[in-house]
Protein backbone atom coordinates (compact mmCIF):
# COMPACT_ATOMS: atom_id res chain seq x y z
CA MET A 1 -22.35 0.02 -9.16
CA SER A 2 -20.68 -2.07 -6.42
CA THR A 3 -20.07 -0.46 -3.07
CA LYS A 4 -17.54 -3.07 -1.97
CA ALA A 5 -13.81 -2.91 -2.25
CA PRO A 6 -12.29 -5.03 -5.06
CA THR A 7 -11.36 -8.61 -4.06
CA LEU A 8 -7.85 -10.02 -4.49
CA ARG A 9 -9.05 -12.13 -7.43
CA GLN A 10 -10.42 -9.04 -9.13
CA PHE A 11 -7.17 -7.21 -8.56
CA GLN A 12 -5.10 -10.05 -9.92
CA ASP A 13 -7.31 -10.24 -13.03
CA ARG A 14 -6.86 -6.51 -13.60
CA PHE A 15 -3.07 -6.58 -13.22
CA PRO A 16 -1.88 -10.05 -14.18
CA THR A 17 1.59 -9.13 -15.50
CA GLU A 18 4.34 -6.52 -15.21
CA GLU A 19 3.46 -5.27 -18.68
CA SER A 20 -0.17 -4.69 -17.75
CA CYS A 21 0.95 -2.54 -14.76
CA LEU A 22 3.28 -0.43 -16.89
CA GLU A 23 0.64 -0.08 -19.64
CA HIS A 24 -1.82 1.13 -16.99
CA LEU A 25 0.56 3.77 -15.81
CA LYS A 26 1.21 4.94 -19.36
CA LEU A 27 -2.55 5.22 -20.21
CA VAL A 28 -3.36 6.99 -16.92
CA ARG A 29 -0.57 9.53 -17.25
CA PHE A 30 -0.32 10.07 -21.04
CA GLY A 31 -3.35 8.53 -22.68
CA GLU A 32 -3.48 6.40 -25.80
CA ARG A 33 -2.02 9.22 -27.84
CA HIS A 34 -0.56 12.61 -26.95
CA GLU A 35 1.62 15.37 -28.31
CA CYS A 36 5.29 14.41 -28.27
CA GLU A 37 7.35 16.86 -26.18
CA LYS A 38 10.23 16.61 -28.66
CA CYS A 39 8.77 16.75 -32.18
CA GLY A 40 5.40 18.35 -31.30
CA LYS A 41 3.41 15.85 -33.31
CA ASP A 42 0.33 13.95 -32.09
CA ALA A 43 1.83 10.44 -31.65
CA LYS A 44 1.23 6.94 -30.49
CA PHE A 45 3.99 5.65 -28.29
CA TYR A 46 5.27 2.11 -28.60
CA ARG A 47 6.80 -0.08 -25.92
CA ILE A 48 10.67 -0.13 -25.71
CA LYS A 49 11.97 -3.57 -25.05
CA ASN A 50 13.90 -4.14 -21.80
CA ARG A 51 13.08 -0.67 -20.49
CA ARG A 52 10.13 0.81 -18.60
CA SER A 53 9.60 3.28 -21.43
CA TYR A 54 7.64 4.05 -24.59
CA GLY A 55 8.98 5.66 -27.76
CA CYS A 56 7.36 8.22 -30.12
CA GLU A 57 6.31 6.74 -33.49
CA HIS A 58 7.73 9.80 -35.26
CA CYS A 59 11.01 10.73 -33.58
CA GLY A 60 11.65 7.95 -31.06
CA HIS A 61 11.57 10.31 -28.04
CA GLN A 62 11.04 8.14 -24.95
CA ILE A 63 8.63 8.65 -22.05
CA TYR A 64 8.90 6.84 -18.74
CA PRO A 65 5.49 6.19 -17.06
CA THR A 66 7.13 5.54 -13.67
CA ALA A 67 9.01 8.89 -13.55
CA GLY A 68 7.71 11.20 -10.81
CA THR A 69 5.66 8.40 -9.15
CA PRO A 70 6.39 6.32 -5.98
CA PHE A 71 7.90 3.75 -8.38
CA HIS A 72 10.58 6.10 -9.76
CA ARG A 73 14.05 4.54 -9.95
CA THR A 74 12.95 1.30 -8.29
CA ARG A 75 13.92 -2.14 -9.42
CA THR A 76 11.11 -3.75 -7.45
CA SER A 77 8.41 -5.25 -9.63
CA LEU A 78 5.46 -2.94 -10.41
CA ARG A 79 3.17 -5.90 -9.66
CA ASP A 80 4.53 -5.91 -6.15
CA TRP A 81 4.06 -2.19 -5.83
CA PHE A 82 0.48 -2.43 -7.01
CA TYR A 83 -0.19 -5.35 -4.68
CA VAL A 84 1.06 -3.43 -1.68
CA MET A 85 -1.22 -0.57 -2.65
CA PHE A 86 -4.04 -3.06 -2.77
CA LEU A 87 -3.13 -4.21 0.79
CA PHE A 88 -3.17 -0.58 2.00
CA CYS A 89 -6.71 -0.14 0.64
CA SER A 90 -8.07 -3.41 1.90
CA LYS A 91 -6.63 -3.52 5.44
CA ARG A 92 -8.67 -1.44 7.86
CA ASN A 93 -5.80 -1.00 10.35
CA GLY A 94 -2.90 -0.39 7.93
CA VAL A 95 -0.03 -2.58 6.79
CA ALA A 96 3.23 -3.27 8.55
CA ALA A 97 6.46 -3.41 6.66
CA LYS A 98 7.10 -6.85 8.18
CA GLU A 99 3.94 -8.15 6.57
CA VAL A 100 5.02 -6.70 3.19
CA GLU A 101 8.43 -8.36 3.62
CA ARG A 102 6.78 -11.72 4.21
CA GLN A 103 4.19 -11.50 1.48
CA ILE A 104 6.24 -10.34 -1.52
CA GLY A 105 9.69 -11.66 -0.41
CA VAL A 106 11.69 -8.40 -0.38
CA THR A 107 14.11 -7.21 2.26
CA TYR A 108 12.74 -5.32 5.25
CA LYS A 109 14.53 -2.17 4.06
CA THR A 110 12.78 -2.37 0.70
CA ALA A 111 9.38 -3.16 2.33
CA TRP A 112 9.77 -0.21 4.73
CA ARG A 113 10.58 2.18 1.89
CA MET A 114 7.65 0.92 -0.21
CA CYS A 115 5.22 1.46 2.70
CA HIS A 116 6.44 4.99 3.37
CA GLU A 117 6.34 6.05 -0.27
CA ILE A 118 2.77 4.78 -0.53
CA ARG A 119 1.78 6.59 2.62
CA LYS A 120 3.15 9.84 1.29
CA TYR A 121 1.30 9.24 -1.96
CA MET A 122 -1.96 8.57 -0.12
CA ALA A 123 -1.65 11.88 1.68
CA ILE A 124 -1.14 13.69 -1.63
CA VAL A 125 -4.16 12.06 -3.19
CA ASP A 126 -6.34 12.73 -0.21
CA GLY A 127 -5.54 16.48 -0.14
CA ASP A 128 -6.84 18.96 2.42
CA GLU A 129 -9.98 20.62 1.29
CA PRO A 130 -11.18 23.10 4.00
CA LEU A 131 -13.89 21.73 6.30
CA GLY A 132 -17.19 23.20 7.50
CA GLY A 133 -18.99 26.26 6.39
CA PRO A 134 -22.41 27.73 7.19
CA PHE A 135 -24.71 25.12 8.82
CA LYS A 136 -21.83 22.68 9.07
CA THR A 137 -20.29 21.29 12.31
CA VAL A 138 -16.59 20.67 12.84
CA GLN A 139 -15.20 19.02 15.99
CA VAL A 140 -11.64 20.06 17.12
CA ASP A 141 -9.43 18.19 19.55
CA GLU A 142 -5.82 17.18 20.36
CA THR A 143 -4.34 13.85 21.45
CA PHE A 144 -0.98 12.35 22.48
CA ILE A 145 0.66 9.50 20.55
CA GLY A 146 3.77 7.33 21.13
CA GLY A 147 6.60 8.12 23.45
CA ALA A 148 6.87 7.17 27.12
CA VAL A 149 5.18 8.87 30.05
CA ARG A 150 7.76 10.09 32.57
CA GLY A 151 7.36 12.30 35.53
CA LYS A 152 4.39 13.16 37.68
CA GLY A 153 1.43 15.53 37.69
CA ARG A 154 -1.95 15.81 36.12
CA GLY A 155 -1.77 16.17 32.37
CA TYR A 156 1.92 15.39 32.19
CA LYS A 157 2.65 13.47 28.96
CA GLY A 158 6.41 13.08 28.94
CA ASN A 159 7.85 12.82 25.39
CA LYS A 160 4.67 11.92 23.59
CA THR A 161 3.88 13.60 20.23
CA ILE A 162 0.97 15.99 20.10
CA VAL A 163 -1.49 15.50 17.20
CA PHE A 164 -4.20 18.02 16.41
CA GLY A 165 -7.36 17.06 14.47
CA MET A 166 -10.41 18.65 12.82
CA TRP A 167 -13.35 16.39 12.05
CA GLN A 168 -16.43 17.44 10.11
CA LYS A 169 -19.65 15.78 11.08
CA GLY A 170 -20.56 13.38 8.27
CA GLY A 171 -17.47 14.46 6.39
CA GLU A 172 -13.68 14.34 6.41
CA VAL A 173 -10.86 14.65 8.95
CA ILE A 174 -7.67 16.68 8.82
CA THR A 175 -4.76 16.04 11.25
CA ARG A 176 -1.49 17.78 11.96
CA VAL A 177 1.52 17.10 14.20
CA VAL A 178 1.93 20.22 16.39
CA PRO A 179 4.67 21.33 18.83
CA SER A 180 2.40 22.19 21.69
CA ARG A 181 -1.25 22.59 22.88
CA ARG A 182 -0.97 26.37 23.03
CA LYS A 183 -3.30 28.64 21.22
CA SER A 184 -0.40 29.94 18.98
CA ALA A 185 0.21 26.33 17.78
CA LEU A 186 -3.46 25.36 17.21
CA LEU A 187 -5.23 28.48 16.02
CA PRO A 188 -3.44 28.84 12.66
CA HIS A 189 -4.53 25.30 11.68
CA ILE A 190 -8.17 26.05 12.53
CA VAL A 191 -8.19 29.27 10.56
CA LYS A 192 -6.54 27.63 7.56
CA ASN A 193 -8.63 24.47 7.47
CA VAL A 194 -12.06 25.41 8.84
CA LYS A 195 -14.33 27.72 6.77
CA PRO A 196 -15.77 30.85 8.33
CA HIS A 197 -19.23 30.65 10.00
CA THR A 198 -18.80 26.99 10.95
CA GLU A 199 -20.33 25.59 14.17
CA LEU A 200 -17.15 24.67 16.05
CA HIS A 201 -17.20 22.09 18.86
CA THR A 202 -14.39 21.81 21.31
CA ASP A 203 -13.66 20.78 24.92
CA LYS A 204 -12.82 23.31 27.63
CA HIS A 205 -9.14 23.54 26.84
CA ARG A 206 -8.11 27.13 27.37
CA ALA A 207 -6.52 27.41 23.90
CA TYR A 208 -10.05 27.39 22.42
CA ASP A 209 -11.29 30.36 24.42
CA ASP A 210 -12.73 33.32 22.42
CA MET A 211 -13.12 31.32 19.19
CA ASP A 212 -16.41 33.15 18.58
CA ALA A 213 -14.40 36.28 17.70
CA ILE A 214 -12.55 34.48 14.85
CA ASN A 215 -14.02 33.98 11.32
CA GLY A 216 -17.52 34.15 12.64
CA TYR A 217 -17.32 30.67 14.22
CA TRP A 218 -20.27 29.60 16.37
CA HIS A 219 -18.29 28.08 19.17
CA LYS A 220 -19.76 25.50 21.55
CA GLN A 221 -17.83 23.69 24.34
CA VAL A 222 -18.35 20.35 26.05
CA ASP A 223 -17.09 20.13 29.68
CA HIS A 224 -15.46 16.74 30.27
CA ASP A 225 -14.55 17.72 33.85
CA ALA A 226 -18.24 18.00 34.60
CA GLY A 227 -18.79 14.51 33.24
CA GLU A 228 -20.21 15.68 29.95
CA TYR A 229 -19.90 13.74 26.67
CA VAL A 230 -22.62 15.81 25.02
CA SER A 231 -23.53 19.16 26.46
CA TYR A 232 -27.11 19.94 27.32
CA ARG A 233 -26.46 23.40 28.71
CA PRO A 234 -28.52 25.98 26.79
CA GLU A 235 -25.53 28.02 25.63
CA ASN A 236 -23.64 24.87 24.43
CA MET A 237 -26.55 22.63 23.45
CA GLY A 238 -25.35 19.56 21.50
CA ALA A 239 -21.67 20.26 21.82
CA THR A 240 -19.50 17.15 21.58
CA VAL A 241 -16.13 15.88 20.36
CA ASN A 242 -17.12 12.27 20.26
CA GLY A 243 -16.53 12.08 16.50
CA ILE A 244 -12.87 13.21 16.54
CA GLU A 245 -12.21 11.15 19.72
CA GLY A 246 -13.59 8.04 17.92
CA PHE A 247 -11.03 8.72 15.11
CA TRP A 248 -8.26 9.04 17.73
CA ALA A 249 -9.30 5.67 19.30
CA GLN A 250 -9.17 3.92 15.91
CA LEU A 251 -5.80 5.52 15.10
CA LYS A 252 -4.24 4.47 18.34
CA ARG A 253 -5.63 0.91 18.14
CA SER A 254 -4.21 0.57 14.62
CA ILE A 255 -0.77 1.89 15.55
CA ASN A 256 -0.54 -0.24 18.68
CA GLY A 257 -1.92 -3.34 16.97
CA THR A 258 -0.22 -3.11 13.59
CA HIS A 259 2.91 -0.99 13.99
CA ILE A 260 3.54 -1.21 17.79
CA HIS A 261 5.55 2.05 17.61
CA VAL A 262 5.65 5.05 15.25
CA SER A 263 8.43 7.61 15.55
CA ARG A 264 7.71 11.36 15.75
CA GLN A 265 9.79 11.84 12.58
CA HIS A 266 7.43 9.63 10.43
CA LEU A 267 4.12 10.09 12.30
CA SER A 268 2.76 12.59 9.74
CA LYS A 269 2.98 9.94 6.96
CA TYR A 270 0.91 7.48 9.03
CA LEU A 271 -1.60 10.21 9.74
CA GLY A 272 -1.91 10.84 5.98
CA GLU A 273 -2.62 7.11 5.43
CA PHE A 274 -5.35 6.95 8.08
CA GLU A 275 -6.91 10.22 6.85
CA PHE A 276 -7.11 8.78 3.36
CA ARG A 277 -8.83 5.61 4.59
CA HIS A 278 -11.14 7.36 7.02
CA ASN A 279 -12.24 9.97 4.46
CA ARG A 280 -13.39 7.15 2.14
CA ARG A 281 -15.00 5.03 4.85
CA ASN A 282 -18.40 5.32 3.14
CA ARG A 283 -17.05 4.51 -0.34
CA PRO A 284 -14.40 1.79 0.07
CA GLU A 285 -14.86 0.79 -3.64
CA THR A 286 -13.14 4.06 -4.66
CA MET A 287 -9.96 3.74 -2.52
CA LEU A 288 -7.84 1.62 -4.88
CA ALA A 289 -9.30 3.23 -7.97
CA GLU A 290 -8.30 6.70 -6.79
CA LEU A 291 -4.80 5.58 -5.93
CA MET A 292 -4.38 3.86 -9.31
CA THR A 293 -5.57 6.79 -11.42
CA SER A 294 -4.07 9.79 -9.62
CA PHE A 295 -0.56 9.69 -11.05
CA VAL A 296 -0.15 13.22 -12.45
CA ARG A 297 1.84 13.70 -15.67
């Protein structure tokens, strides 16, 4: 089995027409045959001309494959939607609405909406399975994104947005926009998303104090103020947050290089997109396939 993402030619061969896109949605969501919701009979559904729908062979009841998907109530071509999804899975640093506007010839407003609907859908498909567990390591850290730095003083970050992240060594990442760096804002996310008895790595931020007393975590801290990137102190041997900090670096490069600016209001959607891509970094061939087959009925 190929471990490479599909090429543009392969994508175009798979979805050459509008009809092929709609048929794909119908098969993924309803199958070749299914029980009609109206007459209760096992039926095959036939294409209705001039509509994005299929009718029951027995009673004529219609189903709409696009209902409840990102393509619901849109007049934009399904081929265009599918192509933009292909771009999201093939571009390492994300896709700007301006690029979508240029490539498929829609208005900027339409391109912006398409991108945001796909980002929301990527977050849903990715999900948030808890990280860690016995003999597993999870790194925890916060960062600041966007805004403008105003004022003075060490650690002052002005109106930037605080993002909190949990990264499992060799596994997945979960991020959240949080209101502050206080323990009351961070701890609930750790408890909810990190399994008990996990080896937890953090920096020396005071909000992470006494984590050993929670859920049986084995807490280790790396001291950046002492010039540590990996701790070699006996009580914190091997502690590091380099993994989650690497994710932050990639996220910020992508935002600054592709999107220039992301508002606090929509940041969580972008985080969902980058989580989806990062969590499939070792299996890029599955990204598009997962998006194209996860439309729930």
